[in-house]
């Protein structure tokens, strides 16, 4: 599972992430969330990447802070992440230990 697919699956349940490649390199991400009719397209050809999104959920706005935190942390492997579900039903993503919260989901 790619890091992008891991994070997007945490943000929007039942979403679908598609990678479009060229010469074995990802050039574009397409993410749809059928339940809300929302979608985002991220084209990697330029820096910064070009982002287009629409629908009631701003999917890129939801996942971008998590991806930025991952990048700043040195792009850790997925196995360093954990998830805590609190007694009141909140879901908290953390890195390395529950004390290092990344975001509430």
C-alpha atoms as a PDB file:
ATOM      1  CA  UNK A   1       0.000   0.000   0.000  1.00  0.00           C
ATOM      2  CA  UNK A   2       1.408   3.409  -0.878  1.00  0.00           C
ATOM      3  CA  UNK A   3       1.646   6.158   1.700  1.00  0.00           C
ATOM      4  CA  UNK A   4      -0.856   8.282  -0.236  1.00  0.00           C
ATOM      5  CA  UNK A   5      -3.368   5.426  -0.309  1.00  0.00           C
ATOM      6  CA  UNK A   6      -2.866   4.815   3.410  1.00  0.00           C
ATOM      7  CA  UNK A   7      -3.552   8.434   4.371  1.00  0.00           C
ATOM      8  CA  UNK A   8      -6.479   8.904   2.002  1.00  0.00           C
ATOM      9  CA  UNK A   9      -8.135   5.748   3.324  1.00  0.00           C
ATOM     10  CA  UNK A  10      -7.969   7.196   6.830  1.00  0.00           C
ATOM     11  CA  UNK A  11      -9.422  10.562   5.826  1.00  0.00           C
ATOM     12  CA  UNK A  12     -12.422   9.474   3.740  1.00  0.00           C
ATOM     13  CA  UNK A  13     -13.843   6.015   4.151  1.00  0.00           C
ATOM     14  CA  UNK A  14     -14.840   4.225   0.953  1.00  0.00           C
ATOM     15  CA  UNK A  15     -12.805   6.672  -1.134  1.00  0.00           C
ATOM     16  CA  UNK A  16     -10.893   5.475  -4.179  1.00  0.00           C
ATOM     17  CA  UNK A  17      -7.367   6.600  -5.009  1.00  0.00           C
ATOM     18  CA  UNK A  18      -5.987   5.984  -8.494  1.00  0.00           C
ATOM     19  CA  UNK A  19      -2.391   6.560  -9.611  1.00  0.00           C
ATOM     20  CA  UNK A  20      -1.735   7.418 -13.220  1.00  0.00           C
ATOM     21  CA  UNK A  21       1.779   6.609 -14.326  1.00  0.00           C
ATOM     22  CA  UNK A  22       4.188   7.138 -17.130  1.00  0.00           C
ATOM     23  CA  UNK A  23       7.452   5.211 -17.478  1.00  0.00           C
ATOM     24  CA  UNK A  24       6.901   3.600 -14.049  1.00  0.00           C
ATOM     25  CA  UNK A  25       6.535   6.995 -12.324  1.00  0.00           C
ATOM     26  CA  UNK A  26       3.353   8.382 -10.807  1.00  0.00           C
ATOM     27  CA  UNK A  27       2.383  11.557 -12.668  1.00  0.00           C
ATOM     28  CA  UNK A  28      -1.112  12.094 -11.281  1.00  0.00           C
ATOM     29  CA  UNK A  29      -3.337  11.096  -8.378  1.00  0.00           C
ATOM     30  CA  UNK A  30      -7.118  10.942  -8.745  1.00  0.00           C
ATOM     31  CA  UNK A  31      -9.171  10.493  -5.598  1.00  0.00           C
ATOM     32  CA  UNK A  32     -12.940  10.153  -5.522  1.00  0.00           C
ATOM     33  CA  UNK A  33     -15.333   9.848  -2.625  1.00  0.00           C
ATOM     34  CA  UNK A  34     -18.568   8.442  -4.114  1.00  0.00           C
ATOM     35  CA  UNK A  35     -20.674   8.975  -0.988  1.00  0.00           C
ATOM     36  CA  UNK A  36     -20.241  12.753  -1.204  1.00  0.00           C
ATOM     37  CA  UNK A  37     -19.610  13.085  -4.948  1.00  0.00           C
ATOM     38  CA  UNK A  38     -16.309  14.807  -4.151  1.00  0.00           C
ATOM     39  CA  UNK A  39     -13.111  14.389  -6.135  1.00  0.00           C
ATOM     40  CA  UNK A  40      -9.566  15.718  -6.389  1.00  0.00           C
ATOM     41  CA  UNK A  41      -6.930  15.492  -9.124  1.00  0.00           C
ATOM     42  CA  UNK A  42      -3.276  16.190  -8.318  1.00  0.00           C
ATOM     43  CA  UNK A  43      -0.962  16.485 -11.326  1.00  0.00           C
ATOM     44  CA  UNK A  44       2.707  16.147 -10.388  1.00  0.00           C
ATOM     45  CA  UNK A  45       4.257  17.406 -13.634  1.00  0.00           C
ATOM     46  CA  UNK A  46       5.049  20.843 -12.276  1.00  0.00           C
ATOM     47  CA  UNK A  47       6.319  22.148  -8.961  1.00  0.00           C
ATOM     48  CA  UNK A  48       4.254  22.853  -7.045  1.00  0.00           C
ATOM     49  CA  UNK A  49       1.762  20.219  -8.147  1.00  0.00           C
ATOM     50  CA  UNK A  50      -1.493  21.364  -9.752  1.00  0.00           C
ATOM     51  CA  UNK A  51      -4.577  20.530  -7.672  1.00  0.00           C
ATOM     52  CA  UNK A  52      -8.206  20.564  -8.826  1.00  0.00           C
ATOM     53  CA  UNK A  53     -11.024  19.545  -6.514  1.00  0.00           C
ATOM     54  CA  UNK A  54     -14.800  19.726  -6.337  1.00  0.00           C
ATOM     55  CA  UNK A  55     -17.692  18.468  -4.268  1.00  0.00           C
ATOM     56  CA  UNK A  56     -19.019  18.973  -0.776  1.00  0.00           C
ATOM     57  CA  UNK A  57     -15.847  17.564   0.811  1.00  0.00           C
ATOM     58  CA  UNK A  58     -12.604  19.349   0.048  1.00  0.00           C
ATOM     59  CA  UNK A  59     -10.589  16.124  -0.056  1.00  0.00           C
ATOM     60  CA  UNK A  60      -7.213  17.706  -0.770  1.00  0.00           C
ATOM     61  CA  UNK A  61      -7.725  20.228   2.023  1.00  0.00           C
ATOM     62  CA  UNK A  62      -8.341  17.302   4.380  1.00  0.00           C
ATOM     63  CA  UNK A  63      -5.334  15.167   3.421  1.00  0.00           C
ATOM     64  CA  UNK A  64      -2.729  17.855   2.640  1.00  0.00           C
ATOM     65  CA  UNK A  65      -1.882  18.671   6.308  1.00  0.00           C
ATOM     66  CA  UNK A  66      -1.313  14.966   7.022  1.00  0.00           C
ATOM     67  CA  UNK A  67       0.960  14.617   3.973  1.00  0.00           C
ATOM     68  CA  UNK A  68       2.890  17.753   4.967  1.00  0.00           C
ATOM     69  CA  UNK A  69       3.440  16.357   8.480  1.00  0.00           C
ATOM     70  CA  UNK A  70       4.649  13.086   6.934  1.00  0.00           C
ATOM     71  CA  UNK A  71       7.085  14.985   4.697  1.00  0.00           C
ATOM     72  CA  UNK A  72       8.445  17.143   7.552  1.00  0.00           C
ATOM     73  CA  UNK A  73       8.929  13.991   9.695  1.00  0.00           C
ATOM     74  CA  UNK A  74      11.266  12.577   7.035  1.00  0.00           C
ATOM     75  CA  UNK A  75       8.681  10.440   5.211  1.00  0.00           C
ATOM     76  CA  UNK A  76       8.473   7.640   7.775  1.00  0.00           C
ATOM     77  CA  UNK A  77       7.243   4.192   6.785  1.00  0.00           C
ATOM     78  CA  UNK A  78       3.604   3.315   7.408  1.00  0.00           C
ATOM     79  CA  UNK A  79       4.485   0.894  10.214  1.00  0.00           C
ATOM     80  CA  UNK A  80       5.507   3.840  12.408  1.00  0.00           C
ATOM     81  CA  UNK A  81       1.930   5.156  12.489  1.00  0.00           C
ATOM     82  CA  UNK A  82      -0.770   4.168  14.914  1.00  0.00           C
ATOM     83  CA  UNK A  83      -4.397   4.977  15.550  1.00  0.00           C
ATOM     84  CA  UNK A  84      -6.105   5.468  18.893  1.00  0.00           C
ATOM     85  CA  UNK A  85      -9.880   5.332  19.243  1.00  0.00           C
ATOM     86  CA  UNK A  86     -11.016   7.142  22.384  1.00  0.00           C
ATOM     87  CA  UNK A  87     -13.971   6.185  24.551  1.00  0.00           C
ATOM     88  CA  UNK A  88     -15.956   9.080  23.083  1.00  0.00           C
ATOM     89  CA  UNK A  89     -15.401   7.743  19.542  1.00  0.00           C
ATOM     90  CA  UNK A  90     -12.640  10.091  18.343  1.00  0.00           C
ATOM     91  CA  UNK A  91      -9.935   8.625  16.107  1.00  0.00           C
ATOM     92  CA  UNK A  92      -6.434  10.052  16.539  1.00  0.00           C
ATOM     93  CA  UNK A  93      -3.553   9.353  14.145  1.00  0.00           C
ATOM     94  CA  UNK A  94      -0.110   9.361  15.747  1.00  0.00           C
ATOM     95  CA  UNK A  95       3.530   8.772  14.809  1.00  0.00           C
ATOM     96  CA  UNK A  96       5.844   6.489  16.836  1.00  0.00           C
ATOM     97  CA  UNK A  97       3.829   6.793  20.078  1.00  0.00           C
ATOM     98  CA  UNK A  98       0.346   7.937  21.107  1.00  0.00           C
ATOM     99  CA  UNK A  99       1.857  11.097  22.603  1.00  0.00           C
ATOM    100  CA  UNK A 100       2.884  12.325  19.127  1.00  0.00           C
ATOM    101  CA  UNK A 101      -0.524  13.196  17.670  1.00  0.00           C
ATOM    102  CA  UNK A 102      -0.682  13.975  13.963  1.00  0.00           C
ATOM    103  CA  UNK A 103      -4.400  14.721  13.588  1.00  0.00           C
ATOM    104  CA  UNK A 104      -7.879  13.780  14.708  1.00  0.00           C
ATOM    105  CA  UNK A 105      -9.739  11.922  11.989  1.00  0.00           C
END
